[in-house]
Amino acid sequence: MALNDNIKKFREEKNLTQQQLADKLYVSRQTVCRWENGSRCPDLITAKKLALELDVSMDELISDEDVNDMQVNYVIGKSERIQNRMRLQEFRKKLLNFMEILGTIFMAIILLFRVQLERDIPLWFTVSFFCIVIPLITVNLLISKKLREMW
């Protein structure tokens, strides 16, 4: 809906004629008629008075959308953002749990080699571990950044 449609809609909801609205705003009926048919627009001060008289906000008065549609779109958008944030947080939690398990296994193997077998850890094992963990840490940092941006 455009401004002219909103003026007419809100005027009719208040059960006002064009003349009654014009009298309240100290303008002519023809002026209200021109606003409603879209050939003219009220100036900013008159639009503010018009919004007050029709008991609506300026946003509602000039909005292209129906107010209920705007509220529904806002709620849907907000719930989608919340769901996306929750999915990212859940993924991050699983990633951190996986990293914790990997670290525990690595530490257990180190202890097994050093204490039980009295040997050094093979270099290939250490390199393999870090080749797995470094990308996981990078992904975790990217998720953390994305979560901060979503606030």
C-alpha atoms as a PDB file:
ATOM      1  CA  MET A   1       0.000   0.000   0.000  1.00  0.00           C
ATOM      2  CA  ALA A   2       1.145   3.517  -0.746  1.00  0.00           C
ATOM      3  CA  LEU A   3       0.637   6.663   1.311  1.00  0.00           C
ATOM      4  CA  ASN A   4      -2.615   7.578  -0.483  1.00  0.00           C
ATOM      5  CA  ASP A   5      -4.096   4.113   0.147  1.00  0.00           C
ATOM      6  CA  ASN A   6      -3.023   4.231   3.798  1.00  0.00           C
ATOM      7  CA  ILE A   7      -4.624   7.630   4.362  1.00  0.00           C
ATOM      8  CA  LYS A   8      -7.926   6.388   2.962  1.00  0.00           C
ATOM      9  CA  LYS A   9      -7.761   3.072   4.822  1.00  0.00           C
ATOM     10  CA  PHE A  10      -6.979   4.633   8.209  1.00  0.00           C
ATOM     11  CA  ARG A  11      -9.546   7.409   7.686  1.00  0.00           C
ATOM     12  CA  GLU A  12     -12.241   4.838   6.933  1.00  0.00           C
ATOM     13  CA  GLU A  13     -11.198   2.735   9.936  1.00  0.00           C
ATOM     14  CA  LYS A  14     -11.788   5.819  12.106  1.00  0.00           C
ATOM     15  CA  ASN A  15     -15.195   6.289  10.406  1.00  0.00           C
ATOM     16  CA  LEU A  16     -14.249   9.780   9.274  1.00  0.00           C
ATOM     17  CA  THR A  17     -15.378  11.463   6.083  1.00  0.00           C
ATOM     18  CA  GLN A  18     -12.914  13.422   4.010  1.00  0.00           C
ATOM     19  CA  GLN A  19     -14.548  16.605   5.258  1.00  0.00           C
ATOM     20  CA  GLN A  20     -14.287  15.615   8.918  1.00  0.00           C
ATOM     21  CA  LEU A  21     -10.598  14.765   8.522  1.00  0.00           C
ATOM     22  CA  ALA A  22      -9.994  17.988   6.610  1.00  0.00           C
ATOM     23  CA  ASP A  23     -11.650  20.002   9.395  1.00  0.00           C
ATOM     24  CA  LYS A  24      -9.454  18.370  12.049  1.00  0.00           C
ATOM     25  CA  LEU A  25      -6.315  19.171  10.031  1.00  0.00           C
ATOM     26  CA  TYR A  26      -7.417  22.668   8.965  1.00  0.00           C
ATOM     27  CA  VAL A  27      -7.198  21.814   5.261  1.00  0.00           C
ATOM     28  CA  SER A  28      -9.847  21.610   2.550  1.00  0.00           C
ATOM     29  CA  ARG A  29     -11.762  18.448   1.656  1.00  0.00           C
ATOM     30  CA  GLN A  30     -10.213  18.682  -1.818  1.00  0.00           C
ATOM     31  CA  THR A  31      -6.758  18.497  -0.245  1.00  0.00           C
ATOM     32  CA  VAL A  32      -7.666  15.256   1.543  1.00  0.00           C
ATOM     33  CA  CYS A  33      -9.175  13.978  -1.720  1.00  0.00           C
ATOM     34  CA  ARG A  34      -5.920  14.758  -3.570  1.00  0.00           C
ATOM     35  CA  TRP A  35      -3.910  12.946  -0.895  1.00  0.00           C
ATOM     36  CA  GLU A  36      -6.131   9.883  -1.232  1.00  0.00           C
ATOM     37  CA  ASN A  37      -6.078   9.786  -5.034  1.00  0.00           C
ATOM     38  CA  GLY A  38      -2.291  10.197  -5.039  1.00  0.00           C
ATOM     39  CA  SER A  39      -2.078  13.445  -6.973  1.00  0.00           C
ATOM     40  CA  ARG A  40      -0.623  15.267  -3.934  1.00  0.00           C
ATOM     41  CA  CYS A  41       1.157  14.352  -0.712  1.00  0.00           C
ATOM     42  CA  PRO A  42       0.934  16.075   2.639  1.00  0.00           C
ATOM     43  CA  ASP A  43       4.001  17.985   3.800  1.00  0.00           C
ATOM     44  CA  LEU A  44       5.959  16.525   6.702  1.00  0.00           C
ATOM     45  CA  ILE A  45       4.299  18.579   9.436  1.00  0.00           C
ATOM     46  CA  THR A  46       0.818  17.829   8.094  1.00  0.00           C
ATOM     47  CA  ALA A  47       1.710  14.140   7.721  1.00  0.00           C
ATOM     48  CA  LYS A  48       2.711  14.083  11.390  1.00  0.00           C
ATOM     49  CA  LYS A  49      -0.611  15.691  12.367  1.00  0.00           C
ATOM     50  CA  LEU A  50      -2.410  13.265  10.060  1.00  0.00           C
ATOM     51  CA  ALA A  51      -0.732  10.282  11.731  1.00  0.00           C
ATOM     52  CA  LEU A  52      -1.669  11.621  15.176  1.00  0.00           C
ATOM     53  CA  GLU A  53      -5.253  12.246  14.092  1.00  0.00           C
ATOM     54  CA  LEU A  54      -5.576   8.753  12.594  1.00  0.00           C
ATOM     55  CA  ASP A  55      -3.862   7.253  15.652  1.00  0.00           C
ATOM     56  CA  VAL A  56      -1.085   5.538  13.671  1.00  0.00           C
ATOM     57  CA  SER A  57       2.670   5.916  13.534  1.00  0.00           C
ATOM     58  CA  MET A  58       4.396   7.750  10.711  1.00  0.00           C
ATOM     59  CA  ASP A  59       5.875   4.419   9.648  1.00  0.00           C
ATOM     60  CA  GLU A  60       2.427   2.887   9.358  1.00  0.00           C
ATOM     61  CA  LEU A  61       1.148   5.905   7.459  1.00  0.00           C
ATOM     62  CA  ILE A  62       3.868   5.907   4.804  1.00  0.00           C
ATOM     63  CA  SER A  63       4.550   2.162   4.685  1.00  0.00           C
ATOM     64  CA  ASP A  64       4.224   0.231   1.440  1.00  0.00           C
ATOM     65  CA  GLU A  65       3.322  -2.913   3.338  1.00  0.00           C
ATOM     66  CA  ASP A  66       0.453  -3.839   5.542  1.00  0.00           C
ATOM     67  CA  VAL A  67       1.511  -3.478   9.208  1.00  0.00           C
ATOM     68  CA  ASN A  68       0.581  -7.076   9.963  1.00  0.00           C
ATOM     69  CA  ASP A  69       2.732  -8.255   7.050  1.00  0.00           C
ATOM     70  CA  MET A  70       5.632  -6.180   8.380  1.00  0.00           C
ATOM     71  CA  GLN A  71       5.258  -7.705  11.836  1.00  0.00           C
ATOM     72  CA  VAL A  72       5.031 -11.230  10.423  1.00  0.00           C
ATOM     73  CA  ASN A  73       8.075 -10.626   8.214  1.00  0.00           C
ATOM     74  CA  TYR A  74       9.995  -9.237  11.191  1.00  0.00           C
ATOM     75  CA  VAL A  75       9.105 -12.225  13.383  1.00  0.00           C
ATOM     76  CA  ILE A  76       9.960 -14.690  10.597  1.00  0.00           C
ATOM     77  CA  GLY A  77      13.263 -12.959   9.909  1.00  0.00           C
ATOM     78  CA  LYS A  78      14.120 -12.877  13.583  1.00  0.00           C
ATOM     79  CA  SER A  79      13.208 -16.540  14.121  1.00  0.00           C
ATOM     80  CA  GLU A  80      15.298 -17.547  11.081  1.00  0.00           C
ATOM     81  CA  ARG A  81      18.287 -15.655  12.482  1.00  0.00           C
ATOM     82  CA  ILE A  82      17.794 -17.315  15.857  1.00  0.00           C
ATOM     83  CA  GLN A  83      17.544 -20.765  14.232  1.00  0.00           C
ATOM     84  CA  ASN A  84      20.684 -20.129  12.162  1.00  0.00           C
ATOM     85  CA  ARG A  85      22.513 -18.975  15.266  1.00  0.00           C
ATOM     86  CA  MET A  86      21.379 -22.039  17.205  1.00  0.00           C
ATOM     87  CA  ARG A  87      22.489 -24.349  14.363  1.00  0.00           C
ATOM     88  CA  LEU A  88      25.909 -22.698  14.292  1.00  0.00           C
ATOM     89  CA  GLN A  89      26.230 -22.935  18.073  1.00  0.00           C
ATOM     90  CA  GLU A  90      25.259 -26.624  17.972  1.00  0.00           C
ATOM     91  CA  PHE A  91      27.782 -27.313  15.192  1.00  0.00           C
ATOM     92  CA  ARG A  92      30.474 -25.451  17.122  1.00  0.00           C
ATOM     93  CA  LYS A  93      29.690 -27.467  20.241  1.00  0.00           C
ATOM     94  CA  LYS A  94      30.037 -30.758  18.305  1.00  0.00           C
ATOM     95  CA  LEU A  95      33.269 -29.511  16.731  1.00  0.00           C
ATOM     96  CA  LEU A  96      34.733 -28.628  20.134  1.00  0.00           C
ATOM     97  CA  ASN A  97      33.669 -32.015  21.550  1.00  0.00           C
ATOM     98  CA  PHE A  98      35.370 -33.764  18.614  1.00  0.00           C
ATOM     99  CA  MET A  99      38.532 -31.709  19.163  1.00  0.00           C
ATOM    100  CA  GLU A 100      38.458 -32.603  22.850  1.00  0.00           C
ATOM    101  CA  ILE A 101      38.193 -36.313  22.038  1.00  0.00           C
ATOM    102  CA  LEU A 102      41.069 -36.048  19.529  1.00  0.00           C
ATOM    103  CA  GLY A 103      43.220 -34.262  22.118  1.00  0.00           C
ATOM    104  CA  THR A 104      42.440 -36.899  24.734  1.00  0.00           C
ATOM    105  CA  ILE A 105      43.349 -39.714  22.333  1.00  0.00           C
ATOM    106  CA  PHE A 106      46.576 -37.919  21.366  1.00  0.00           C
ATOM    107  CA  MET A 107      47.535 -37.461  25.025  1.00  0.00           C
ATOM    108  CA  ALA A 108      46.723 -41.111  25.811  1.00  0.00           C
ATOM    109  CA  ILE A 109      48.928 -42.294  22.943  1.00  0.00           C
ATOM    110  CA  ILE A 110      51.753 -39.989  24.058  1.00  0.00           C
ATOM    111  CA  LEU A 111      51.536 -41.399  27.578  1.00  0.00           C
ATOM    112  CA  LEU A 112      51.450 -44.948  26.236  1.00  0.00           C
ATOM    113  CA  PHE A 113      54.553 -44.392  24.105  1.00  0.00           C
ATOM    114  CA  ARG A 114      56.566 -42.442  26.686  1.00  0.00           C
ATOM    115  CA  VAL A 115      55.646 -44.241  29.897  1.00  0.00           C
ATOM    116  CA  GLN A 116      54.754 -47.806  28.919  1.00  0.00           C
ATOM    117  CA  LEU A 117      56.909 -48.326  25.837  1.00  0.00           C
ATOM    118  CA  GLU A 118      59.634 -45.823  26.759  1.00  0.00           C
ATOM    119  CA  ARG A 119      59.832 -44.688  23.141  1.00  0.00           C
ATOM    120  CA  ASP A 120      59.494 -41.423  21.266  1.00  0.00           C
ATOM    121  CA  ILE A 121      56.265 -40.615  19.474  1.00  0.00           C
ATOM    122  CA  PRO A 122      56.588 -41.186  15.717  1.00  0.00           C
ATOM    123  CA  LEU A 123      56.883 -37.940  13.795  1.00  0.00           C
ATOM    124  CA  TRP A 124      54.229 -39.002  11.279  1.00  0.00           C
ATOM    125  CA  PHE A 125      51.715 -39.351  14.132  1.00  0.00           C
ATOM    126  CA  THR A 126      52.369 -35.846  15.453  1.00  0.00           C
ATOM    127  CA  VAL A 127      52.241 -34.321  11.964  1.00  0.00           C
ATOM    128  CA  SER A 128      48.995 -36.197  11.187  1.00  0.00           C
ATOM    129  CA  PHE A 129      47.436 -34.969  14.415  1.00  0.00           C
ATOM    130  CA  PHE A 130      48.261 -31.336  13.658  1.00  0.00           C
ATOM    131  CA  CYS A 131      47.092 -31.692  10.037  1.00  0.00           C
ATOM    132  CA  ILE A 132      43.688 -32.677  11.442  1.00  0.00           C
ATOM    133  CA  VAL A 133      43.506 -30.240  14.344  1.00  0.00           C
ATOM    134  CA  ILE A 134      44.671 -27.022  12.636  1.00  0.00           C
ATOM    135  CA  PRO A 135      41.779 -26.994  10.097  1.00  0.00           C
ATOM    136  CA  LEU A 136      39.352 -27.753  12.943  1.00  0.00           C
ATOM    137  CA  ILE A 137      40.687 -24.798  14.929  1.00  0.00           C
ATOM    138  CA  THR A 138      40.344 -22.602  11.824  1.00  0.00           C
ATOM    139  CA  VAL A 139      36.731 -23.683  11.318  1.00  0.00           C
ATOM    140  CA  ASN A 140      36.020 -23.005  15.002  1.00  0.00           C
ATOM    141  CA  LEU A 141      37.451 -19.486  14.690  1.00  0.00           C
ATOM    142  CA  LEU A 142      35.346 -18.814  11.580  1.00  0.00           C
ATOM    143  CA  ILE A 143      32.203 -20.003  13.347  1.00  0.00           C
ATOM    144  CA  SER A 144      33.017 -17.810  16.348  1.00  0.00           C
ATOM    145  CA  LYS A 145      33.436 -14.799  14.063  1.00  0.00           C
ATOM    146  CA  LYS A 146      30.144 -15.536  12.297  1.00  0.00           C
ATOM    147  CA  LEU A 147      28.335 -15.860  15.654  1.00  0.00           C
ATOM    148  CA  ARG A 148      29.718 -12.485  16.798  1.00  0.00           C
ATOM    149  CA  GLU A 149      28.524 -10.885  13.568  1.00  0.00           C
ATOM    150  CA  MET A 150      25.000 -12.276  14.094  1.00  0.00           C
ATOM    151  CA  TRP A 151      24.506 -10.212  17.257  1.00  0.00           C
END
